[in-house]
Amino acid sequence: PFNIDHDAYWTLRGDAAQFDHRRSKQASPPRDIPQIKLRPVL
């Protein structure tokens, strides 16, 4: 006797898609950090 657990596959697909969706919202290329500098004052 052999049965496929379709629900487990659909859950796995949904979890992977949800993970991918969360990651795509946060995806942005890194930017340089603003630099603190000194400037002479007359």
ModelCIF file with pLDDT and N, C-alpha, C, O atoms, coordinates in Angstrom:
data_MODEL
#
_entry.id   MODEL 
#
_entity.id                         1 
_entity.type                       polymer 
_entity.pdbx_number_of_molecules   1 
#
_entity_poly.entity_id                      1 
_entity_poly.type                           'polypeptide(L)' 
_entity_poly.nstd_linkage                   no 
_entity_poly.nstd_monomer                   no 
_entity_poly.pdbx_seq_one_letter_code       PFNIDHDAYWTLRGDAAQFDHRRSKQASPPRDIPQIKLRPVL 
_entity_poly.pdbx_seq_one_letter_code_can   PFNIDHDAYWTLRGDAAQFDHRRSKQASPPRDIPQIKLRPVL 
_entity_poly.pdbx_strand_id                 A 
#
loop_
_entity_poly_seq.entity_id 
_entity_poly_seq.num 
_entity_poly_seq.mon_id 
_entity_poly_seq.hetero 
1 1  PRO n 
1 2  PHE n 
1 3  ASN n 
1 4  ILE n 
1 5  ASP n 
1 6  HIS n 
1 7  ASP n 
1 8  ALA n 
1 9  TYR n 
1 10 TRP n 
1 11 THR n 
1 12 LEU n 
1 13 ARG n 
1 14 GLY n 
1 15 ASP n 
1 16 ALA n 
1 17 ALA n 
1 18 GLN n 
1 19 PHE n 
1 20 ASP n 
1 21 HIS n 
1 22 ARG n 
1 23 ARG n 
1 24 SER n 
1 25 LYS n 
1 26 GLN n 
1 27 ALA n 
1 28 SER n 
1 29 PRO n 
1 30 PRO n 
1 31 ARG n 
1 32 ASP n 
1 33 ILE n 
1 34 PRO n 
1 35 GLN n 
1 36 ILE n 
1 37 LYS n 
1 38 LEU n 
1 39 ARG n 
1 40 PRO n 
1 41 VAL n 
1 42 LEU n 
#
_struct_asym.id          A 
_struct_asym.entity_id   1 
#
loop_
_ma_qa_metric.id 
_ma_qa_metric.mode 
_ma_qa_metric.name 
_ma_qa_metric.software_group_id 
_ma_qa_metric.type 
1 global pLDDT . pLDDT 
2 local  pLDDT . pLDDT 
#
_ma_qa_metric_global.metric_id      1 
_ma_qa_metric_global.metric_value   73.43 
_ma_qa_metric_global.model_id       1 
_ma_qa_metric_global.ordinal_id     1 
#
loop_
_ma_qa_metric_local.label_asym_id 
_ma_qa_metric_local.label_comp_id 
_ma_qa_metric_local.label_seq_id 
_ma_qa_metric_local.metric_id 
_ma_qa_metric_local.metric_value 
_ma_qa_metric_local.model_id 
_ma_qa_metric_local.ordinal_id 
A PRO 1  2 70.00 1 1  
A PHE 2  2 70.00 1 2  
A ASN 3  2 75.00 1 3  
A ILE 4  2 77.00 1 4  
A ASP 5  2 79.00 1 5  
A HIS 6  2 77.00 1 6  
A ASP 7  2 83.00 1 7  
A ALA 8  2 83.00 1 8  
A TYR 9  2 82.00 1 9  
A TRP 10 2 81.00 1 10 
A THR 11 2 85.00 1 11 
A LEU 12 2 80.00 1 12 
A ARG 13 2 78.00 1 13 
A GLY 14 2 81.00 1 14 
A ASP 15 2 80.00 1 15 
A ALA 16 2 76.00 1 16 
A ALA 17 2 76.00 1 17 
A GLN 18 2 78.00 1 18 
A PHE 19 2 73.00 1 19 
A ASP 20 2 68.00 1 20 
A HIS 21 2 67.00 1 21 
A ARG 22 2 66.00 1 22 
A ARG 23 2 62.00 1 23 
A SER 24 2 60.00 1 24 
A LYS 25 2 59.00 1 25 
A GLN 26 2 59.00 1 26 
A ALA 27 2 55.00 1 27 
A SER 28 2 61.00 1 28 
A PRO 29 2 60.00 1 29 
A PRO 30 2 61.00 1 30 
A ARG 31 2 69.00 1 31 
A ASP 32 2 71.00 1 32 
A ILE 33 2 75.00 1 33 
A PRO 34 2 79.00 1 34 
A GLN 35 2 79.00 1 35 
A ILE 36 2 80.00 1 36 
A LYS 37 2 81.00 1 37 
A LEU 38 2 79.00 1 38 
A ARG 39 2 81.00 1 39 
A PRO 40 2 76.00 1 40 
A VAL 41 2 77.00 1 41 
A LEU 42 2 75.00 1 42 
#
loop_
_atom_site.group_PDB 
_atom_site.id 
_atom_site.type_symbol 
_atom_site.label_atom_id 
_atom_site.label_alt_id 
_atom_site.label_comp_id 
_atom_site.label_asym_id 
_atom_site.label_entity_id 
_atom_site.label_seq_id 
_atom_site.pdbx_PDB_ins_code 
_atom_site.Cartn_x 
_atom_site.Cartn_y 
_atom_site.Cartn_z 
_atom_site.occupancy 
_atom_site.B_iso_or_equiv 
_atom_site.pdbx_formal_charge 
_atom_site.auth_seq_id 
_atom_site.auth_comp_id 
_atom_site.auth_asym_id 
_atom_site.auth_atom_id 
_atom_site.pdbx_PDB_model_num 
ATOM 1   N N  . PRO A 1 1  ? 0.850  -1.202 0.000  1.00 70.00 ? 1  PRO A N  1 
ATOM 2   C CA . PRO A 1 1  ? 0.000  0.000  0.000  1.00 70.00 ? 1  PRO A CA 1 
ATOM 3   C C  . PRO A 1 1  ? 0.886  1.251  0.000  1.00 70.00 ? 1  PRO A C  1 
ATOM 4   O O  . PRO A 1 1  ? 1.824  1.366  0.789  1.00 70.00 ? 1  PRO A O  1 
ATOM 5   N N  . PHE A 1 2  ? 0.577  2.152  -0.869 1.00 70.00 ? 2  PHE A N  1 
ATOM 6   C CA . PHE A 1 2  ? 1.376  3.367  -1.003 1.00 70.00 ? 2  PHE A CA 1 
ATOM 7   C C  . PHE A 1 2  ? 0.434  4.530  -1.276 1.00 70.00 ? 2  PHE A C  1 
ATOM 8   O O  . PHE A 1 2  ? -0.410 4.460  -2.169 1.00 70.00 ? 2  PHE A O  1 
ATOM 9   N N  . ASN A 1 3  ? 0.582  5.582  -0.513 1.00 75.00 ? 3  ASN A N  1 
ATOM 10  C CA . ASN A 1 3  ? -0.222 6.793  -0.707 1.00 75.00 ? 3  ASN A CA 1 
ATOM 11  C C  . ASN A 1 3  ? 0.701  8.004  -0.757 1.00 75.00 ? 3  ASN A C  1 
ATOM 12  O O  . ASN A 1 3  ? 1.678  8.095  -0.014 1.00 75.00 ? 3  ASN A O  1 
ATOM 13  N N  . ILE A 1 4  ? 0.376  8.899  -1.621 1.00 77.00 ? 4  ILE A N  1 
ATOM 14  C CA . ILE A 1 4  ? 1.127  10.152 -1.721 1.00 77.00 ? 4  ILE A CA 1 
ATOM 15  C C  . ILE A 1 4  ? 0.475  11.150 -0.784 1.00 77.00 ? 4  ILE A C  1 
ATOM 16  O O  . ILE A 1 4  ? -0.747 11.291 -0.757 1.00 77.00 ? 4  ILE A O  1 
ATOM 17  N N  . ASP A 1 5  ? 1.301  11.839 -0.019 1.00 79.00 ? 5  ASP A N  1 
ATOM 18  C CA . ASP A 1 5  ? 0.801  12.878 0.887  1.00 79.00 ? 5  ASP A CA 1 
ATOM 19  C C  . ASP A 1 5  ? 0.804  14.211 0.140  1.00 79.00 ? 5  ASP A C  1 
ATOM 20  O O  . ASP A 1 5  ? 1.737  15.005 0.251  1.00 79.00 ? 5  ASP A O  1 
ATOM 21  N N  . HIS A 1 6  ? -0.270 14.432 -0.623 1.00 77.00 ? 6  HIS A N  1 
ATOM 22  C CA . HIS A 1 6  ? -0.365 15.652 -1.435 1.00 77.00 ? 6  HIS A CA 1 
ATOM 23  C C  . HIS A 1 6  ? -0.376 16.908 -0.565 1.00 77.00 ? 6  HIS A C  1 
ATOM 24  O O  . HIS A 1 6  ? 0.187  17.935 -0.942 1.00 77.00 ? 6  HIS A O  1 
ATOM 25  N N  . ASP A 1 7  ? -1.018 16.820 0.598  1.00 83.00 ? 7  ASP A N  1 
ATOM 26  C CA . ASP A 1 7  ? -1.088 17.998 1.475  1.00 83.00 ? 7  ASP A CA 1 
ATOM 27  C C  . ASP A 1 7  ? 0.307  18.458 1.924  1.00 83.00 ? 7  ASP A C  1 
ATOM 28  O O  . ASP A 1 7  ? 0.574  19.657 2.007  1.00 83.00 ? 7  ASP A O  1 
ATOM 29  N N  . ALA A 1 8  ? 1.184  17.503 2.209  1.00 83.00 ? 8  ALA A N  1 
ATOM 30  C CA . ALA A 1 8  ? 2.540  17.861 2.636  1.00 83.00 ? 8  ALA A CA 1 
ATOM 31  C C  . ALA A 1 8  ? 3.272  18.592 1.507  1.00 83.00 ? 8  ALA A C  1 
ATOM 32  O O  . ALA A 1 8  ? 4.003  19.549 1.762  1.00 83.00 ? 8  ALA A O  1 
ATOM 33  N N  . TYR A 1 9  ? 3.083  18.156 0.288  1.00 82.00 ? 9  TYR A N  1 
ATOM 34  C CA . TYR A 1 9  ? 3.739  18.835 -0.833 1.00 82.00 ? 9  TYR A CA 1 
ATOM 35  C C  . TYR A 1 9  ? 3.179  20.232 -1.044 1.00 82.00 ? 9  TYR A C  1 
ATOM 36  O O  . TYR A 1 9  ? 3.926  21.172 -1.315 1.00 82.00 ? 9  TYR A O  1 
ATOM 37  N N  . TRP A 1 10 ? 1.860  20.370 -0.919 1.00 81.00 ? 10 TRP A N  1 
ATOM 38  C CA . TRP A 1 10 ? 1.260  21.694 -1.081 1.00 81.00 ? 10 TRP A CA 1 
ATOM 39  C C  . TRP A 1 10 ? 1.698  22.623 0.054  1.00 81.00 ? 10 TRP A C  1 
ATOM 40  O O  . TRP A 1 10 ? 1.914  23.815 -0.164 1.00 81.00 ? 10 TRP A O  1 
ATOM 41  N N  . THR A 1 11 ? 1.826  22.081 1.248  1.00 85.00 ? 11 THR A N  1 
ATOM 42  C CA . THR A 1 11 ? 2.315  22.886 2.373  1.00 85.00 ? 11 THR A CA 1 
ATOM 43  C C  . THR A 1 11 ? 3.759  23.307 2.134  1.00 85.00 ? 11 THR A C  1 
ATOM 44  O O  . THR A 1 11 ? 4.115  24.462 2.370  1.00 85.00 ? 11 THR A O  1 
ATOM 45  N N  . LEU A 1 12 ? 4.587  22.387 1.672  1.00 80.00 ? 12 LEU A N  1 
ATOM 46  C CA . LEU A 1 12 ? 5.978  22.703 1.373  1.00 80.00 ? 12 LEU A CA 1 
ATOM 47  C C  . LEU A 1 12 ? 6.077  23.774 0.283  1.00 80.00 ? 12 LEU A C  1 
ATOM 48  O O  . LEU A 1 12 ? 6.879  24.702 0.392  1.00 80.00 ? 12 LEU A O  1 
ATOM 49  N N  . ARG A 1 13 ? 5.279  23.644 -0.744 1.00 78.00 ? 13 ARG A N  1 
ATOM 50  C CA . ARG A 1 13 ? 5.253  24.652 -1.817 1.00 78.00 ? 13 ARG A CA 1 
ATOM 51  C C  . ARG A 1 13 ? 4.847  26.018 -1.272 1.00 78.00 ? 13 ARG A C  1 
ATOM 52  O O  . ARG A 1 13 ? 5.469  27.035 -1.578 1.00 78.00 ? 13 ARG A O  1 
ATOM 53  N N  . GLY A 1 14 ? 3.791  26.020 -0.460 1.00 81.00 ? 14 GLY A N  1 
ATOM 54  C CA . GLY A 1 14 ? 3.311  27.284 0.120  1.00 81.00 ? 14 GLY A CA 1 
ATOM 55  C C  . GLY A 1 14 ? 4.344  27.930 1.019  1.00 81.00 ? 14 GLY A C  1 
ATOM 56  O O  . GLY A 1 14 ? 4.538  29.145 0.980  1.00 81.00 ? 14 GLY A O  1 
ATOM 57  N N  . ASP A 1 15 ? 5.020  27.102 1.846  1.00 80.00 ? 15 ASP A N  1 
ATOM 58  C CA . ASP A 1 15 ? 6.060  27.644 2.729  1.00 80.00 ? 15 ASP A CA 1 
ATOM 59  C C  . ASP A 1 15 ? 7.222  28.218 1.921  1.00 80.00 ? 15 ASP A C  1 
ATOM 60  O O  . ASP A 1 15 ? 7.742  29.286 2.245  1.00 80.00 ? 15 ASP A O  1 
ATOM 61  N N  . ALA A 1 16 ? 7.623  27.517 0.882  1.00 76.00 ? 16 ALA A N  1 
ATOM 62  C CA . ALA A 1 16 ? 8.728  27.998 0.044  1.00 76.00 ? 16 ALA A CA 1 
ATOM 63  C C  . ALA A 1 16 ? 8.335  29.284 -0.682 1.00 76.00 ? 16 ALA A C  1 
ATOM 64  O O  . ALA A 1 16 ? 9.141  30.207 -0.802 1.00 76.00 ? 16 ALA A O  1 
ATOM 65  N N  . ALA A 1 17 ? 7.100  29.339 -1.163 1.00 76.00 ? 17 ALA A N  1 
ATOM 66  C CA . ALA A 1 17 ? 6.645  30.547 -1.854 1.00 76.00 ? 17 ALA A CA 1 
ATOM 67  C C  . ALA A 1 17 ? 6.554  31.721 -0.878 1.00 76.00 ? 17 ALA A C  1 
ATOM 68  O O  . ALA A 1 17 ? 6.898  32.852 -1.223 1.00 76.00 ? 17 ALA A O  1 
ATOM 69  N N  . GLN A 1 18 ? 6.091  31.445 0.338  1.00 78.00 ? 18 GLN A N  1 
ATOM 70  C CA . GLN A 1 18 ? 5.991  32.500 1.347  1.00 78.00 ? 18 GLN A CA 1 
ATOM 71  C C  . GLN A 1 18 ? 7.392  33.002 1.721  1.00 78.00 ? 18 GLN A C  1 
ATOM 72  O O  . GLN A 1 18 ? 7.609  34.206 1.858  1.00 78.00 ? 18 GLN A O  1 
ATOM 73  N N  . PHE A 1 19 ? 8.326  32.083 1.882  1.00 73.00 ? 19 PHE A N  1 
ATOM 74  C CA . PHE A 1 19 ? 9.708  32.463 2.172  1.00 73.00 ? 19 PHE A CA 1 
ATOM 75  C C  . PHE A 1 19 ? 10.269 33.317 1.044  1.00 73.00 ? 19 PHE A C  1 
ATOM 76  O O  . PHE A 1 19 ? 10.911 34.338 1.291  1.00 73.00 ? 19 PHE A O  1 
ATOM 77  N N  . ASP A 1 20 ? 10.031 32.903 -0.173 1.00 68.00 ? 20 ASP A N  1 
ATOM 78  C CA . ASP A 1 20 ? 10.515 33.637 -1.338 1.00 68.00 ? 20 ASP A CA 1 
ATOM 79  C C  . ASP A 1 20 ? 9.884  35.020 -1.406 1.00 68.00 ? 20 ASP A C  1 
ATOM 80  O O  . ASP A 1 20 ? 10.554 35.995 -1.745 1.00 68.00 ? 20 ASP A O  1 
ATOM 81  N N  . HIS A 1 21 ? 8.589  35.108 -1.082 1.00 67.00 ? 21 HIS A N  1 
ATOM 82  C CA . HIS A 1 21 ? 7.881  36.389 -1.125 1.00 67.00 ? 21 HIS A CA 1 
ATOM 83  C C  . HIS A 1 21 ? 8.450  37.341 -0.063 1.00 67.00 ? 21 HIS A C  1 
ATOM 84  O O  . HIS A 1 21 ? 8.650  38.524 -0.338 1.00 67.00 ? 21 HIS A O  1 
ATOM 85  N N  . ARG A 1 22 ? 8.708  36.831 1.140  1.00 66.00 ? 22 ARG A N  1 
ATOM 86  C CA . ARG A 1 22 ? 9.278  37.675 2.194  1.00 66.00 ? 22 ARG A CA 1 
ATOM 87  C C  . ARG A 1 22 ? 10.666 38.148 1.812  1.00 66.00 ? 22 ARG A C  1 
ATOM 88  O O  . ARG A 1 22 ? 11.011 39.306 2.049  1.00 66.00 ? 22 ARG A O  1 
ATOM 89  N N  . ARG A 1 23 ? 11.460 37.280 1.231  1.00 62.00 ? 23 ARG A N  1 
ATOM 90  C CA . ARG A 1 23 ? 12.815 37.646 0.852  1.00 62.00 ? 23 ARG A CA 1 
ATOM 91  C C  . ARG A 1 23 ? 12.817 38.674 -0.271 1.00 62.00 ? 23 ARG A C  1 
ATOM 92  O O  . ARG A 1 23 ? 13.670 39.560 -0.300 1.00 62.00 ? 23 ARG A O  1 
ATOM 93  N N  . SER A 1 24 ? 11.857 38.559 -1.205 1.00 60.00 ? 24 SER A N  1 
ATOM 94  C CA . SER A 1 24 ? 11.847 39.501 -2.329 1.00 60.00 ? 24 SER A CA 1 
ATOM 95  C C  . SER A 1 24 ? 11.451 40.896 -1.863 1.00 60.00 ? 24 SER A C  1 
ATOM 96  O O  . SER A 1 24 ? 11.862 41.885 -2.470 1.00 60.00 ? 24 SER A O  1 
ATOM 97  N N  . LYS A 1 25 ? 10.662 40.993 -0.800 1.00 59.00 ? 25 LYS A N  1 
ATOM 98  C CA . LYS A 1 25 ? 10.319 42.314 -0.271 1.00 59.00 ? 25 LYS A CA 1 
ATOM 99  C C  . LYS A 1 25 ? 11.541 43.008 0.305  1.00 59.00 ? 25 LYS A C  1 
ATOM 100 O O  . LYS A 1 25 ? 11.671 44.228 0.199  1.00 59.00 ? 25 LYS A O  1 
ATOM 101 N N  . GLN A 1 26 ? 12.443 42.235 0.918  1.00 59.00 ? 26 GLN A N  1 
ATOM 102 C CA . GLN A 1 26 ? 13.620 42.802 1.553  1.00 59.00 ? 26 GLN A CA 1 
ATOM 103 C C  . GLN A 1 26 ? 14.781 42.974 0.583  1.00 59.00 ? 26 GLN A C  1 
ATOM 104 O O  . GLN A 1 26 ? 15.783 43.600 0.928  1.00 59.00 ? 26 GLN A O  1 
ATOM 105 N N  . ALA A 1 27 ? 14.665 42.444 -0.592 1.00 55.00 ? 27 ALA A N  1 
ATOM 106 C CA . ALA A 1 27 ? 15.787 42.447 -1.532 1.00 55.00 ? 27 ALA A CA 1 
ATOM 107 C C  . ALA A 1 27 ? 16.042 43.846 -2.064 1.00 55.00 ? 27 ALA A C  1 
ATOM 108 O O  . ALA A 1 27 ? 15.193 44.433 -2.734 1.00 55.00 ? 27 ALA A O  1 
ATOM 109 N N  . SER A 1 28 ? 17.193 44.358 -1.766 1.00 61.00 ? 28 SER A N  1 
ATOM 110 C CA . SER A 1 28 ? 17.658 45.607 -2.356 1.00 61.00 ? 28 SER A CA 1 
ATOM 111 C C  . SER A 1 28 ? 19.180 45.582 -2.293 1.00 61.00 ? 28 SER A C  1 
ATOM 112 O O  . SER A 1 28 ? 19.767 45.143 -1.304 1.00 61.00 ? 28 SER A O  1 
ATOM 113 N N  . PRO A 1 29 ? 19.794 46.050 -3.342 1.00 60.00 ? 29 PRO A N  1 
ATOM 114 C CA . PRO A 1 29 ? 21.255 46.002 -3.351 1.00 60.00 ? 29 PRO A CA 1 
ATOM 115 C C  . PRO A 1 29 ? 21.830 46.896 -2.251 1.00 60.00 ? 29 PRO A C  1 
ATOM 116 O O  . PRO A 1 29 ? 21.231 47.913 -1.904 1.00 60.00 ? 29 PRO A O  1 
ATOM 117 N N  . PRO A 1 30 ? 22.970 46.527 -1.710 1.00 61.00 ? 30 PRO A N  1 
ATOM 118 C CA . PRO A 1 30 ? 23.559 47.319 -0.624 1.00 61.00 ? 30 PRO A CA 1 
ATOM 119 C C  . PRO A 1 30 ? 24.037 48.680 -1.118 1.00 61.00 ? 30 PRO A C  1 
ATOM 120 O O  . PRO A 1 30 ? 24.526 48.828 -2.238 1.00 61.00 ? 30 PRO A O  1 
ATOM 121 N N  . ARG A 1 31 ? 23.878 49.649 -0.254 1.00 69.00 ? 31 ARG A N  1 
ATOM 122 C CA . ARG A 1 31 ? 24.357 51.004 -0.555 1.00 69.00 ? 31 ARG A CA 1 
ATOM 123 C C  . ARG A 1 31 ? 25.527 51.305 0.367  1.00 69.00 ? 31 ARG A C  1 
ATOM 124 O O  . ARG A 1 31 ? 25.712 50.665 1.402  1.00 69.00 ? 31 ARG A O  1 
ATOM 125 N N  . ASP A 1 32 ? 26.302 52.285 -0.035 1.00 71.00 ? 32 ASP A N  1 
ATOM 126 C CA . ASP A 1 32 ? 27.391 52.706 0.837  1.00 71.00 ? 32 ASP A CA 1 
ATOM 127 C C  . ASP A 1 32 ? 26.818 53.471 2.018  1.00 71.00 ? 32 ASP A C  1 
ATOM 128 O O  . ASP A 1 32 ? 25.781 54.125 1.911  1.00 71.00 ? 32 ASP A O  1 
ATOM 129 N N  . ILE A 1 33 ? 27.495 53.380 3.119  1.00 75.00 ? 33 ILE A N  1 
ATOM 130 C CA . ILE A 1 33 ? 27.090 54.058 4.337  1.00 75.00 ? 33 ILE A CA 1 
ATOM 131 C C  . ILE A 1 33 ? 27.542 55.514 4.253  1.00 75.00 ? 33 ILE A C  1 
ATOM 132 O O  . ILE A 1 33 ? 28.649 55.783 3.789  1.00 75.00 ? 33 ILE A O  1 
ATOM 133 N N  . PRO A 1 34 ? 26.710 56.456 4.691  1.00 79.00 ? 34 PRO A N  1 
ATOM 134 C CA . PRO A 1 34 ? 27.169 57.851 4.708  1.00 79.00 ? 34 PRO A CA 1 
ATOM 135 C C  . PRO A 1 34 ? 28.412 58.002 5.580  1.00 79.00 ? 34 PRO A C  1 
ATOM 136 O O  . PRO A 1 34 ? 28.525 57.378 6.635  1.00 79.00 ? 34 PRO A O  1 
ATOM 137 N N  . GLN A 1 35 ? 29.319 58.818 5.137  1.00 79.00 ? 35 GLN A N  1 
ATOM 138 C CA . GLN A 1 35 ? 30.587 59.013 5.845  1.00 79.00 ? 35 GLN A CA 1 
ATOM 139 C C  . GLN A 1 35 ? 30.529 60.281 6.702  1.00 79.00 ? 35 GLN A C  1 
ATOM 140 O O  . GLN A 1 35 ? 29.985 61.304 6.286  1.00 79.00 ? 35 GLN A O  1 
ATOM 141 N N  . ILE A 1 36 ? 31.095 60.191 7.897  1.00 80.00 ? 36 ILE A N  1 
ATOM 142 C CA . ILE A 1 36 ? 31.240 61.367 8.752  1.00 80.00 ? 36 ILE A CA 1 
ATOM 143 C C  . ILE A 1 36 ? 32.610 61.950 8.458  1.00 80.00 ? 36 ILE A C  1 
ATOM 144 O O  . ILE A 1 36 ? 33.626 61.259 8.534  1.00 80.00 ? 36 ILE A O  1 
ATOM 145 N N  . LYS A 1 37 ? 32.622 63.221 8.123  1.00 81.00 ? 37 LYS A N  1 
ATOM 146 C CA . LYS A 1 37 ? 33.867 63.877 7.732  1.00 81.00 ? 37 LYS A CA 1 
ATOM 147 C C  . LYS A 1 37 ? 34.056 65.150 8.543  1.00 81.00 ? 37 LYS A C  1 
ATOM 148 O O  . LYS A 1 37 ? 33.133 65.643 9.192  1.00 81.00 ? 37 LYS A O  1 
ATOM 149 N N  . LEU A 1 38 ? 35.267 65.662 8.488  1.00 79.00 ? 38 LEU A N  1 
ATOM 150 C CA . LEU A 1 38 ? 35.598 66.949 9.099  1.00 79.00 ? 38 LEU A CA 1 
ATOM 151 C C  . LEU A 1 38 ? 35.854 67.966 8.011  1.00 79.00 ? 38 LEU A C  1 
ATOM 152 O O  . LEU A 1 38 ? 36.445 67.665 6.974  1.00 79.00 ? 38 LEU A O  1 
ATOM 153 N N  . ARG A 1 39 ? 35.399 69.171 8.270  1.00 81.00 ? 39 ARG A N  1 
ATOM 154 C CA . ARG A 1 39 ? 35.646 70.258 7.333  1.00 81.00 ? 39 ARG A CA 1 
ATOM 155 C C  . ARG A 1 39 ? 36.209 71.421 8.153  1.00 81.00 ? 39 ARG A C  1 
ATOM 156 O O  . ARG A 1 39 ? 35.651 71.769 9.194  1.00 81.00 ? 39 ARG A O  1 
ATOM 157 N N  . PRO A 1 40 ? 37.302 72.020 7.695  1.00 76.00 ? 40 PRO A N  1 
ATOM 158 C CA . PRO A 1 40 ? 37.874 73.137 8.449  1.00 76.00 ? 40 PRO A CA 1 
ATOM 159 C C  . PRO A 1 40 ? 36.925 74.339 8.459  1.00 76.00 ? 40 PRO A C  1 
ATOM 160 O O  . PRO A 1 40 ? 36.215 74.610 7.490  1.00 76.00 ? 40 PRO A O  1 
ATOM 161 N N  . VAL A 1 41 ? 36.942 75.033 9.571  1.00 77.00 ? 41 VAL A N  1 
ATOM 162 C CA . VAL A 1 41 ? 36.096 76.219 9.730  1.00 77.00 ? 41 VAL A CA 1 
ATOM 163 C C  . VAL A 1 41 ? 37.018 77.421 9.893  1.00 77.00 ? 41 VAL A C  1 
ATOM 164 O O  . VAL A 1 41 ? 37.934 77.409 10.716 1.00 77.00 ? 41 VAL A O  1 
ATOM 165 N N  . LEU A 1 42 ? 36.772 78.431 9.122  1.00 75.00 ? 42 LEU A N  1 
ATOM 166 C CA . LEU A 1 42 ? 37.550 79.662 9.250  1.00 75.00 ? 42 LEU A CA 1 
ATOM 167 C C  . LEU A 1 42 ? 36.907 80.513 10.344 1.00 75.00 ? 42 LEU A C  1 
ATOM 168 O O  . LEU A 1 42 ? 37.388 81.608 10.637 1.00 75.00 ? 42 LEU A O  1 
#
